[in-house]
Amino acid sequence: LEEKGLIISGTSPDDYLVEMVELENHPWFLGCQFHPEF
């Protein structure tokens, strides 16, 4: 997926769990595994 343009912008400190993803060549595409609204 990284080869297809996915950017892994956030991980657990040990780099094992993916916490945040983005997408190349997109104005704003961001997903997070956590709940920032809280």
Full PDB file with SEQRES, HELIX, SHEET, SSBOND, CRYST1, ORIGX, SCALE, CONECT and MASTER records, all heavy atoms in Angstrom:
SEQRES   1 A   38  LEU GLU GLU LYS GLY LEU ILE ILE SER GLY THR SER PRO          
SEQRES   2 A   38  ASP ASP TYR LEU VAL GLU MET VAL GLU LEU GLU ASN HIS          
SEQRES   3 A   38  PRO TRP PHE LEU GLY CYS GLN PHE HIS PRO GLU PHE              
SHEET    1 AA1 3 LEU A   6  THR A  11  0                                        
SHEET    2 AA1 3 VAL A  18  LEU A  23 -1                                        
SHEET    3 AA1 3 LEU A  30  CYS A  32 -1                                        
CRYST1    1.000    1.000    1.000  90.00  90.00  90.00 P 1           1          
ORIGX1      1.000000  0.000000  0.000000        0.00000                         
ORIGX2      0.000000  1.000000  0.000000        0.00000                         
ORIGX3      0.000000  0.000000  1.000000        0.00000                         
SCALE1      1.000000  0.000000  0.000000        0.00000                         
SCALE2      0.000000  1.000000  0.000000        0.00000                         
SCALE3      0.000000  0.000000  1.000000        0.00000                         
ATOM      1  N   LEU A   1       0.816  -1.213   0.000  1.00  0.00           N  
ATOM      2  CA  LEU A   1       0.000   0.000   0.000  1.00  0.00           C  
ATOM      3  C   LEU A   1       0.852   1.266   0.000  1.00  0.00           C  
ATOM      4  O   LEU A   1       0.475   2.275  -0.595  1.00  0.00           O  
ATOM      5  CB  LEU A   1      -0.963  -0.012   1.200  1.00  0.00           C  
ATOM      6  CG  LEU A   1      -2.118  -1.027   1.070  1.00  0.00           C  
ATOM      7  CD1 LEU A   1      -2.891  -1.145   2.378  1.00  0.00           C  
ATOM      8  CD2 LEU A   1      -3.068  -0.645  -0.066  1.00  0.00           C  
ATOM      9  N   GLU A   2       2.019   1.188   0.634  1.00  0.00           N  
ATOM     10  CA  GLU A   2       2.925   2.355   0.584  1.00  0.00           C  
ATOM     11  C   GLU A   2       3.407   2.595  -0.847  1.00  0.00           C  
ATOM     12  O   GLU A   2       3.551   3.740  -1.282  1.00  0.00           O  
ATOM     13  CB  GLU A   2       4.101   2.147   1.540  1.00  0.00           C  
ATOM     14  CG  GLU A   2       3.728   2.381   3.002  1.00  0.00           C  
ATOM     15  CD  GLU A   2       4.907   2.270   3.961  1.00  0.00           C  
ATOM     16  OE1 GLU A   2       5.621   1.253   3.918  1.00  0.00           O  
ATOM     17  OE2 GLU A   2       5.118   3.216   4.735  1.00  0.00           O  
ATOM     18  N   GLU A   3       3.639   1.519  -1.580  1.00  0.00           N  
ATOM     19  CA  GLU A   3       4.032   1.656  -2.989  1.00  0.00           C  
ATOM     20  C   GLU A   3       2.921   2.300  -3.816  1.00  0.00           C  
ATOM     21  O   GLU A   3       3.179   2.961  -4.816  1.00  0.00           O  
ATOM     22  CB  GLU A   3       4.369   0.278  -3.584  1.00  0.00           C  
ATOM     23  CG  GLU A   3       5.700  -0.284  -3.122  1.00  0.00           C  
ATOM     24  CD  GLU A   3       5.886  -1.740  -3.569  1.00  0.00           C  
ATOM     25  OE1 GLU A   3       5.035  -2.241  -4.340  1.00  0.00           O  
ATOM     26  OE2 GLU A   3       6.875  -2.357  -3.137  1.00  0.00           O  
ATOM     27  N   LYS A   4       1.665   2.125  -3.378  1.00  0.00           N  
ATOM     28  CA  LYS A   4       0.515   2.678  -4.099  1.00  0.00           C  
ATOM     29  C   LYS A   4       0.146   4.088  -3.623  1.00  0.00           C  
ATOM     30  O   LYS A   4      -0.899   4.619  -3.992  1.00  0.00           O  
ATOM     31  CB  LYS A   4      -0.699   1.750  -3.944  1.00  0.00           C  
ATOM     32  CG  LYS A   4      -0.476   0.348  -4.528  1.00  0.00           C  
ATOM     33  CD  LYS A   4      -0.188   0.402  -6.021  1.00  0.00           C  
ATOM     34  CE  LYS A   4       0.046  -0.978  -6.605  1.00  0.00           C  
ATOM     35  NZ  LYS A   4       0.421  -0.917  -8.037  1.00  0.00           N  
ATOM     36  N   GLY A   5       0.984   4.677  -2.787  1.00  0.00           N  
ATOM     37  CA  GLY A   5       0.763   6.068  -2.394  1.00  0.00           C  
ATOM     38  C   GLY A   5       0.292   6.281  -0.974  1.00  0.00           C  
ATOM     39  O   GLY A   5       0.110   7.425  -0.542  1.00  0.00           O  
ATOM     40  N   LEU A   6       0.075   5.201  -0.220  1.00  0.00           N  
ATOM     41  CA  LEU A   6      -0.323   5.361   1.179  1.00  0.00           C  
ATOM     42  C   LEU A   6       0.872   5.862   1.993  1.00  0.00           C  
ATOM     43  O   LEU A   6       1.984   5.363   1.844  1.00  0.00           O  
ATOM     44  CB  LEU A   6      -0.814   4.025   1.755  1.00  0.00           C  
ATOM     45  CG  LEU A   6      -1.451   4.117   3.151  1.00  0.00           C  
ATOM     46  CD1 LEU A   6      -2.855   4.695   3.065  1.00  0.00           C  
ATOM     47  CD2 LEU A   6      -1.511   2.742   3.826  1.00  0.00           C  
ATOM     48  N   ILE A   7       0.634   6.850   2.816  1.00  0.00           N  
ATOM     49  CA  ILE A   7       1.676   7.367   3.711  1.00  0.00           C  
ATOM     50  C   ILE A   7       1.301   6.967   5.134  1.00  0.00           C  
ATOM     51  O   ILE A   7       0.200   7.267   5.599  1.00  0.00           O  
ATOM     52  CB  ILE A   7       1.769   8.912   3.620  1.00  0.00           C  
ATOM     53  CG1 ILE A   7       2.115   9.355   2.200  1.00  0.00           C  
ATOM     54  CG2 ILE A   7       2.790   9.451   4.629  1.00  0.00           C  
ATOM     55  CD1 ILE A   7       1.853  10.829   1.949  1.00  0.00           C  
ATOM     56  N   ILE A   8       2.183   6.256   5.813  1.00  0.00           N  
ATOM     57  CA  ILE A   8       1.938   5.910   7.215  1.00  0.00           C  
ATOM     58  C   ILE A   8       2.587   7.007   8.062  1.00  0.00           C  
ATOM     59  O   ILE A   8       3.799   7.056   8.229  1.00  0.00           O  
ATOM     60  CB  ILE A   8       2.473   4.504   7.536  1.00  0.00           C  
ATOM     61  CG1 ILE A   8       1.595   3.496   6.783  1.00  0.00           C  
ATOM     62  CG2 ILE A   8       2.429   4.238   9.035  1.00  0.00           C  
ATOM     63  CD1 ILE A   8       2.055   2.090   6.775  1.00  0.00           C  
ATOM     64  N   SER A   9       1.730   7.926   8.531  1.00  0.00           N  
ATOM     65  CA  SER A   9       2.254   9.129   9.190  1.00  0.00           C  
ATOM     66  C   SER A   9       2.337   9.006  10.697  1.00  0.00           C  
ATOM     67  O   SER A   9       2.932   9.839  11.369  1.00  0.00           O  
ATOM     68  CB  SER A   9       1.409  10.345   8.813  1.00  0.00           C  
ATOM     69  OG  SER A   9       0.036  10.101   9.060  1.00  0.00           O  
ATOM     70  N   GLY A  10       1.727   7.943  11.253  1.00  0.00           N  
ATOM     71  CA  GLY A  10       1.795   7.749  12.700  1.00  0.00           C  
ATOM     72  C   GLY A  10       1.788   6.275  13.040  1.00  0.00           C  
ATOM     73  O   GLY A  10       1.025   5.502  12.454  1.00  0.00           O  
ATOM     74  N   THR A  11       2.664   5.877  13.961  1.00  0.00           N  
ATOM     75  CA  THR A  11       2.731   4.473  14.396  1.00  0.00           C  
ATOM     76  C   THR A  11       2.909   4.425  15.915  1.00  0.00           C  
ATOM     77  O   THR A  11       3.184   5.436  16.548  1.00  0.00           O  
ATOM     78  CB  THR A  11       3.922   3.728  13.763  1.00  0.00           C  
ATOM     79  OG1 THR A  11       5.138   4.356  14.206  1.00  0.00           O  
ATOM     80  CG2 THR A  11       3.861   3.736  12.242  1.00  0.00           C  
ATOM     81  N   SER A  12       2.774   3.210  16.467  1.00  0.00           N  
ATOM     82  CA  SER A  12       3.132   3.023  17.875  1.00  0.00           C  
ATOM     83  C   SER A  12       4.642   3.259  17.993  1.00  0.00           C  
ATOM     84  O   SER A  12       5.368   3.158  17.001  1.00  0.00           O  
ATOM     85  CB  SER A  12       2.759   1.612  18.330  1.00  0.00           C  
ATOM     86  OG  SER A  12       3.328   0.644  17.467  1.00  0.00           O  
ATOM     87  N   PRO A  13       5.152   3.581  19.173  1.00  0.00           N  
ATOM     88  CA  PRO A  13       6.579   3.897  19.312  1.00  0.00           C  
ATOM     89  C   PRO A  13       7.513   2.815  18.783  1.00  0.00           C  
ATOM     90  O   PRO A  13       8.610   3.110  18.317  1.00  0.00           O  
ATOM     91  CB  PRO A  13       6.755   4.090  20.824  1.00  0.00           C  
ATOM     92  CG  PRO A  13       5.410   4.533  21.306  1.00  0.00           C  
ATOM     93  CD  PRO A  13       4.412   3.804  20.442  1.00  0.00           C  
ATOM     94  N   ASP A  14       7.061   1.538  18.837  1.00  0.00           N  
ATOM     95  CA  ASP A  14       7.914   0.453  18.332  1.00  0.00           C  
ATOM     96  C   ASP A  14       7.726   0.223  16.829  1.00  0.00           C  
ATOM     97  O   ASP A  14       8.265  -0.723  16.264  1.00  0.00           O  
ATOM     98  CB  ASP A  14       7.636  -0.854  19.095  1.00  0.00           C  
ATOM     99  CG  ASP A  14       6.181  -1.315  18.948  1.00  0.00           C  
ATOM    100  OD1 ASP A  14       5.416  -0.669  18.197  1.00  0.00           O  
ATOM    101  OD2 ASP A  14       5.809  -2.318  19.586  1.00  0.00           O  
ATOM    102  N   ASP A  15       6.929   1.095  16.185  1.00  0.00           N  
ATOM    103  CA  ASP A  15       6.705   1.054  14.738  1.00  0.00           C  
ATOM    104  C   ASP A  15       5.857  -0.144  14.310  1.00  0.00           C  
ATOM    105  O   ASP A  15       5.723  -0.425  13.124  1.00  0.00           O  
ATOM    106  CB  ASP A  15       8.045   1.033  13.981  1.00  0.00           C  
ATOM    107  CG  ASP A  15       7.941   1.761  12.649  1.00  0.00           C  
ATOM    108  OD1 ASP A  15       7.184   2.746  12.598  1.00  0.00           O  
ATOM    109  OD2 ASP A  15       8.580   1.335  11.673  1.00  0.00           O  
ATOM    110  N   TYR A  16       5.259  -0.838  15.256  1.00  0.00           N  
ATOM    111  CA  TYR A  16       4.530  -2.070  14.924  1.00  0.00           C  
ATOM    112  C   TYR A  16       3.085  -1.792  14.491  1.00  0.00           C  
ATOM    113  O   TYR A  16       2.603  -2.321  13.494  1.00  0.00           O  
ATOM    114  CB  TYR A  16       4.559  -3.027  16.120  1.00  0.00           C  
ATOM    115  CG  TYR A  16       3.781  -4.305  15.890  1.00  0.00           C  
ATOM    116  CD1 TYR A  16       4.231  -5.245  14.955  1.00  0.00           C  
ATOM    117  CD2 TYR A  16       2.604  -4.561  16.578  1.00  0.00           C  
ATOM    118  CE1 TYR A  16       3.511  -6.413  14.728  1.00  0.00           C  
ATOM    119  CE2 TYR A  16       1.891  -5.727  16.357  1.00  0.00           C  
ATOM    120  CZ  TYR A  16       2.349  -6.649  15.429  1.00  0.00           C  
ATOM    121  OH  TYR A  16       1.636  -7.800  15.201  1.00  0.00           O  
ATOM    122  N   LEU A  17       2.370  -0.970  15.257  1.00  0.00           N  
ATOM    123  CA  LEU A  17       0.966  -0.703  14.960  1.00  0.00           C  
ATOM    124  C   LEU A  17       0.809   0.588  14.168  1.00  0.00           C  
ATOM    125  O   LEU A  17       1.382   1.623  14.526  1.00  0.00           O  
ATOM    126  CB  LEU A  17       0.160  -0.593  16.264  1.00  0.00           C  
ATOM    127  CG  LEU A  17       0.117  -1.851  17.142  1.00  0.00           C  
ATOM    128  CD1 LEU A  17      -0.501  -1.526  18.490  1.00  0.00           C  
ATOM    129  CD2 LEU A  17      -0.668  -2.955  16.452  1.00  0.00           C  
ATOM    130  N   VAL A  18       0.029   0.535  13.101  1.00  0.00           N  
ATOM    131  CA  VAL A  18      -0.233   1.732  12.289  1.00  0.00           C  
ATOM    132  C   VAL A  18      -1.315   2.556  12.978  1.00  0.00           C  
ATOM    133  O   VAL A  18      -2.402   2.060  13.267  1.00  0.00           O  
ATOM    134  CB  VAL A  18      -0.662   1.343  10.853  1.00  0.00           C  
ATOM    135  CG1 VAL A  18      -1.128   2.573  10.086  1.00  0.00           C  
ATOM    136  CG2 VAL A  18       0.492   0.662  10.138  1.00  0.00           C  
ATOM    137  N   GLU A  19      -1.003   3.814  13.258  1.00  0.00           N  
ATOM    138  CA  GLU A  19      -1.935   4.701  13.956  1.00  0.00           C  
ATOM    139  C   GLU A  19      -2.566   5.747  13.035  1.00  0.00           C  
ATOM    140  O   GLU A  19      -3.688   6.174  13.255  1.00  0.00           O  
ATOM    141  CB  GLU A  19      -1.199   5.437  15.097  1.00  0.00           C  
ATOM    142  CG  GLU A  19      -0.742   4.532  16.233  1.00  0.00           C  
ATOM    143  CD  GLU A  19      -1.840   4.244  17.233  1.00  0.00           C  
ATOM    144  OE1 GLU A  19      -3.002   4.546  16.942  1.00  0.00           O  
ATOM    145  OE2 GLU A  19      -1.529   3.706  18.309  1.00  0.00           O  
ATOM    146  N   MET A  20      -1.813   6.193  12.005  1.00  0.00           N  
ATOM    147  CA  MET A  20      -2.335   7.246  11.120  1.00  0.00           C  
ATOM    148  C   MET A  20      -1.904   6.973   9.683  1.00  0.00           C  
ATOM    149  O   MET A  20      -0.773   6.537   9.440  1.00  0.00           O  
ATOM    150  CB  MET A  20      -1.820   8.626  11.547  1.00  0.00           C  
ATOM    151  CG  MET A  20      -2.174   9.000  12.971  1.00  0.00           C  
ATOM    152  SD  MET A  20      -1.634  10.666  13.420  1.00  0.00           S  
ATOM    153  CE  MET A  20      -2.918  11.658  12.666  1.00  0.00           C  
ATOM    154  N   VAL A  21      -2.818   7.240   8.744  1.00  0.00           N  
ATOM    155  CA  VAL A  21      -2.486   7.079   7.321  1.00  0.00           C  
ATOM    156  C   VAL A  21      -2.880   8.334   6.551  1.00  0.00           C  
ATOM    157  O   VAL A  21      -3.815   9.053   6.938  1.00  0.00           O  
ATOM    158  CB  VAL A  21      -3.192   5.846   6.700  1.00  0.00           C  
ATOM    159  CG1 VAL A  21      -2.778   4.559   7.397  1.00  0.00           C  
ATOM    160  CG2 VAL A  21      -4.708   5.993   6.716  1.00  0.00           C  
ATOM    161  N   GLU A  22      -2.151   8.571   5.451  1.00  0.00           N  
ATOM    162  CA  GLU A  22      -2.452   9.681   4.543  1.00  0.00           C  
ATOM    163  C   GLU A  22      -2.279   9.164   3.117  1.00  0.00           C  
ATOM    164  O   GLU A  22      -1.961   7.987   2.907  1.00  0.00           O  
ATOM    165  CB  GLU A  22      -1.525  10.873   4.837  1.00  0.00           C  
ATOM    166  CG  GLU A  22      -1.697  11.416   6.251  1.00  0.00           C  
ATOM    167  CD  GLU A  22      -0.699  12.514   6.620  1.00  0.00           C  
ATOM    168  OE1 GLU A  22      -0.100  13.137   5.697  1.00  0.00           O  
ATOM    169  OE2 GLU A  22      -0.511  12.747   7.834  1.00  0.00           O  
ATOM    170  N   LEU A  23      -2.474  10.047   2.132  1.00  0.00           N  
ATOM    171  CA  LEU A  23      -2.387   9.632   0.737  1.00  0.00           C  
ATOM    172  C   LEU A  23      -1.613  10.664  -0.066  1.00  0.00           C  
ATOM    173  O   LEU A  23      -1.868  11.869   0.044  1.00  0.00           O  
ATOM    174  CB  LEU A  23      -3.799   9.465   0.151  1.00  0.00           C  
ATOM    175  CG  LEU A  23      -3.916   8.878  -1.253  1.00  0.00           C  
ATOM    176  CD1 LEU A  23      -3.352   7.455  -1.303  1.00  0.00           C  
ATOM    177  CD2 LEU A  23      -5.374   8.885  -1.710  1.00  0.00           C  
ATOM    178  N   GLU A  24      -0.672  10.173  -0.865  1.00  0.00           N  
ATOM    179  CA  GLU A  24       0.105  11.073  -1.731  1.00  0.00           C  
ATOM    180  C   GLU A  24      -0.815  11.751  -2.745  1.00  0.00           C  
ATOM    181  O   GLU A  24      -1.838  11.198  -3.150  1.00  0.00           O  
ATOM    182  CB  GLU A  24       1.179  10.271  -2.492  1.00  0.00           C  
ATOM    183  CG  GLU A  24       2.338   9.817  -1.624  1.00  0.00           C  
ATOM    184  CD  GLU A  24       3.327   8.965  -2.401  1.00  0.00           C  
ATOM    185  OE1 GLU A  24       3.098   8.729  -3.615  1.00  0.00           O  
ATOM    186  OE2 GLU A  24       4.310   8.505  -1.795  1.00  0.00           O  
ATOM    187  N   ASN A  25      -0.423  12.944  -3.156  1.00  0.00           N  
ATOM    188  CA  ASN A  25      -1.121  13.683  -4.228  1.00  0.00           C  
ATOM    189  C   ASN A  25      -2.610  13.877  -3.946  1.00  0.00           C  
ATOM    190  O   ASN A  25      -3.459  13.748  -4.823  1.00  0.00           O  
ATOM    191  CB  ASN A  25      -0.944  12.957  -5.575  1.00  0.00           C  
ATOM    192  CG  ASN A  25       0.522  12.760  -5.918  1.00  0.00           C  
ATOM    193  OD1 ASN A  25       1.339  13.660  -5.718  1.00  0.00           O  
ATOM    194  ND2 ASN A  25       0.866  11.574  -6.397  1.00  0.00           N  
ATOM    195  N   HIS A  26      -2.906  14.143  -2.692  1.00  0.00           N  
ATOM    196  CA  HIS A  26      -4.284  14.448  -2.302  1.00  0.00           C  
ATOM    197  C   HIS A  26      -4.233  15.647  -1.366  1.00  0.00           C  
ATOM    198  O   HIS A  26      -3.366  15.719  -0.491  1.00  0.00           O  
ATOM    199  CB  HIS A  26      -4.906  13.237  -1.589  1.00  0.00           C  
ATOM    200  CG  HIS A  26      -6.398  13.344  -1.410  1.00  0.00           C  
ATOM    201  ND1 HIS A  26      -6.988  14.213  -0.529  1.00  0.00           N  
ATOM    202  CD2 HIS A  26      -7.427  12.677  -2.025  1.00  0.00           C  
ATOM    203  CE1 HIS A  26      -8.320  14.084  -0.598  1.00  0.00           C  
ATOM    204  NE2 HIS A  26      -8.604  13.148  -1.503  1.00  0.00           N  
ATOM    205  N   PRO A  27      -5.153  16.624  -1.538  1.00  0.00           N  
ATOM    206  CA  PRO A  27      -5.059  17.843  -0.707  1.00  0.00           C  
ATOM    207  C   PRO A  27      -5.154  17.576   0.802  1.00  0.00           C  
ATOM    208  O   PRO A  27      -4.461  18.200   1.590  1.00  0.00           O  
ATOM    209  CB  PRO A  27      -6.236  18.701  -1.193  1.00  0.00           C  
ATOM    210  CG  PRO A  27      -7.128  17.782  -1.956  1.00  0.00           C  
ATOM    211  CD  PRO A  27      -6.248  16.703  -2.510  1.00  0.00           C  
ATOM    212  N   TRP A  28      -6.045  16.666   1.215  1.00  0.00           N  
ATOM    213  CA  TRP A  28      -6.157  16.351   2.652  1.00  0.00           C  
ATOM    214  C   TRP A  28      -6.907  15.034   2.803  1.00  0.00           C  
ATOM    215  O   TRP A  28      -8.127  14.963   2.671  1.00  0.00           O  
ATOM    216  CB  TRP A  28      -6.900  17.457   3.408  1.00  0.00           C  
ATOM    217  CG  TRP A  28      -6.503  17.562   4.862  1.00  0.00           C  
ATOM    218  CD1 TRP A  28      -5.588  18.405   5.403  1.00  0.00           C  
ATOM    219  CD2 TRP A  28      -7.027  16.784   5.960  1.00  0.00           C  
ATOM    220  NE1 TRP A  28      -5.490  18.215   6.766  1.00  0.00           N  
ATOM    221  CE2 TRP A  28      -6.367  17.226   7.133  1.00  0.00           C  
ATOM    222  CE3 TRP A  28      -7.967  15.774   6.074  1.00  0.00           C  
ATOM    223  CZ2 TRP A  28      -6.631  16.687   8.387  1.00  0.00           C  
ATOM    224  CZ3 TRP A  28      -8.227  15.221   7.327  1.00  0.00           C  
ATOM    225  CH2 TRP A  28      -7.566  15.688   8.473  1.00  0.00           C  
ATOM    226  N   PHE A  29      -6.163  13.981   3.085  1.00  0.00           N  
ATOM    227  CA  PHE A  29      -6.716  12.640   3.223  1.00  0.00           C  
ATOM    228  C   PHE A  29      -6.017  12.043   4.430  1.00  0.00           C  
ATOM    229  O   PHE A  29      -4.838  11.723   4.370  1.00  0.00           O  
ATOM    230  CB  PHE A  29      -6.391  11.845   1.940  1.00  0.00           C  
ATOM    231  CG  PHE A  29      -6.962  10.451   1.866  1.00  0.00           C  
ATOM    232  CD1 PHE A  29      -8.151  10.201   1.191  1.00  0.00           C  
ATOM    233  CD2 PHE A  29      -6.286   9.366   2.426  1.00  0.00           C  
ATOM    234  CE1 PHE A  29      -8.664   8.907   1.083  1.00  0.00           C  
ATOM    235  CE2 PHE A  29      -6.790   8.066   2.319  1.00  0.00           C  
ATOM    236  CZ  PHE A  29      -7.978   7.843   1.645  1.00  0.00           C  
ATOM    237  N   LEU A  30      -6.726  11.964   5.561  1.00  0.00           N  
ATOM    238  CA  LEU A  30      -6.062  11.531   6.797  1.00  0.00           C  
ATOM    239  C   LEU A  30      -6.989  10.620   7.589  1.00  0.00           C  
ATOM    240  O   LEU A  30      -8.153  10.938   7.819  1.00  0.00           O  
ATOM    241  CB  LEU A  30      -5.662  12.749   7.638  1.00  0.00           C  
ATOM    242  CG  LEU A  30      -4.809  12.466   8.883  1.00  0.00           C  
ATOM    243  CD1 LEU A  30      -3.853  13.617   9.155  1.00  0.00           C  
ATOM    244  CD2 LEU A  30      -5.676  12.221  10.125  1.00  0.00           C  
ATOM    245  N   GLY A  31      -6.461   9.481   7.983  1.00  0.00           N  
ATOM    246  CA  GLY A  31      -7.194   8.561   8.841  1.00  0.00           C  
ATOM    247  C   GLY A  31      -6.388   8.281  10.090  1.00  0.00           C  
ATOM    248  O   GLY A  31      -5.167   8.187  10.045  1.00  0.00           O  
ATOM    249  N   CYS A  32      -7.087   8.165  11.219  1.00  0.00           N  
ATOM    250  CA  CYS A  32      -6.388   7.832  12.460  1.00  0.00           C  
ATOM    251  C   CYS A  32      -7.132   6.704  13.169  1.00  0.00           C  
ATOM    252  O   CYS A  32      -8.369   6.659  13.160  1.00  0.00           O  
ATOM    253  CB  CYS A  32      -6.239   9.049  13.373  1.00  0.00           C  
ATOM    254  SG  CYS A  32      -7.760   9.934  13.712  1.00  0.00           S  
ATOM    255  N   GLN A  33      -6.379   5.794  13.760  1.00  0.00           N  
ATOM    256  CA  GLN A  33      -6.963   4.636  14.425  1.00  0.00           C  
ATOM    257  C   GLN A  33      -7.552   5.016  15.784  1.00  0.00           C  
ATOM    258  O   GLN A  33      -8.362   4.303  16.349  1.00  0.00           O  
ATOM    259  CB  GLN A  33      -5.892   3.547  14.587  1.00  0.00           C  
ATOM    260  CG  GLN A  33      -6.404   2.218  15.072  1.00  0.00           C  
ATOM    261  CD  GLN A  33      -7.503   1.634  14.190  1.00  0.00           C  
ATOM    262  OE1 GLN A  33      -7.243   1.101  13.132  1.00  0.00           O  
ATOM    263  NE2 GLN A  33      -8.755   1.748  14.630  1.00  0.00           N  
ATOM    264  N   PHE A  34      -7.171   6.175  16.282  1.00  0.00           N  
ATOM    265  CA  PHE A  34      -7.645   6.640  17.598  1.00  0.00           C  
ATOM    266  C   PHE A  34      -8.822   7.610  17.438  1.00  0.00           C  
ATOM    267  O   PHE A  34      -9.279   7.887  16.330  1.00  0.00           O  
ATOM    268  CB  PHE A  34      -6.501   7.291  18.373  1.00  0.00           C  
ATOM    269  CG  PHE A  34      -5.702   8.286  17.569  1.00  0.00           C  
ATOM    270  CD1 PHE A  34      -6.168   9.565  17.340  1.00  0.00           C  
ATOM    271  CD2 PHE A  34      -4.462   7.921  17.030  1.00  0.00           C  
ATOM    272  CE1 PHE A  34      -5.428  10.480  16.605  1.00  0.00           C  
ATOM    273  CE2 PHE A  34      -3.712   8.833  16.283  1.00  0.00           C  
ATOM    274  CZ  PHE A  34      -4.201  10.114  16.078  1.00  0.00           C  
ATOM    275  N   HIS A  35      -9.299   8.128  18.564  1.00  0.00           N  
ATOM    276  CA  HIS A  35     -10.442   9.048  18.591  1.00  0.00           C  
ATOM    277  C   HIS A  35     -10.004  10.426  19.099  1.00  0.00           C  
ATOM    278  O   HIS A  35     -10.122  10.713  20.297  1.00  0.00           O  
ATOM    279  CB  HIS A  35     -11.542   8.497  19.515  1.00  0.00           C  
ATOM    280  CG  HIS A  35     -12.257   7.315  18.959  1.00  0.00           C  
ATOM    281  ND1 HIS A  35     -13.403   7.426  18.207  1.00  0.00           N  
ATOM    282  CD2 HIS A  35     -11.990   5.990  19.032  1.00  0.00           C  
ATOM    283  CE1 HIS A  35     -13.816   6.216  17.848  1.00  0.00           C  
ATOM    284  NE2 HIS A  35     -12.971   5.325  18.330  1.00  0.00           N  
ATOM    285  N   PRO A  36      -9.552  11.303  18.208  1.00  0.00           N  
ATOM    286  CA  PRO A  36      -9.082  12.614  18.663  1.00  0.00           C  
ATOM    287  C   PRO A  36     -10.194  13.483  19.234  1.00  0.00           C  
ATOM    288  O   PRO A  36      -9.936  14.401  20.010  1.00  0.00           O  
ATOM    289  CB  PRO A  36      -8.504  13.238  17.379  1.00  0.00           C  
ATOM    290  CG  PRO A  36      -9.212  12.552  16.261  1.00  0.00           C  
ATOM    291  CD  PRO A  36      -9.454  11.152  16.744  1.00  0.00           C  
ATOM    292  N   GLU A  37     -11.444  13.179  18.869  1.00  0.00           N  
ATOM    293  CA  GLU A  37     -12.568  14.022  19.318  1.00  0.00           C  
ATOM    294  C   GLU A  37     -12.714  14.047  20.832  1.00  0.00           C  
ATOM    295  O   GLU A  37     -13.270  14.997  21.391  1.00  0.00           O  
ATOM    296  CB  GLU A  37     -13.880  13.559  18.672  1.00  0.00           C  
ATOM    297  CG  GLU A  37     -14.418  12.218  19.123  1.00  0.00           C  
ATOM    298  CD  GLU A  37     -13.921  11.032  18.310  1.00  0.00           C  
ATOM    299  OE1 GLU A  37     -12.847  11.141  17.670  1.00  0.00           O  
ATOM    300  OE2 GLU A  37     -14.593   9.982  18.312  1.00  0.00           O  
ATOM    301  N   PHE A  38     -12.192  13.011  21.522  1.00  0.00           N  
ATOM    302  CA  PHE A  38     -12.343  12.964  22.978  1.00  0.00           C  
ATOM    303  C   PHE A  38     -11.432  13.972  23.692  1.00  0.00           C  
ATOM    304  O   PHE A  38     -11.584  14.191  24.890  1.00  0.00           O  
ATOM    305  CB  PHE A  38     -12.063  11.550  23.503  1.00  0.00           C  
ATOM    306  CG  PHE A  38     -13.067  10.524  23.049  1.00  0.00           C  
ATOM    307  CD1 PHE A  38     -12.674   9.219  22.778  1.00  0.00           C  
ATOM    308  CD2 PHE A  38     -14.404  10.855  22.895  1.00  0.00           C  
ATOM    309  CE1 PHE A  38     -13.599   8.262  22.358  1.00  0.00           C  
ATOM    310  CE2 PHE A  38     -15.341   9.910  22.478  1.00  0.00           C  
ATOM    311  CZ  PHE A  38     -14.931   8.612  22.206  1.00  0.00           C  
TER     312      PHE A  38                                                      
MASTER        0    0    0    0    3    0    0    6  311    1    0    3          
END                                                                             
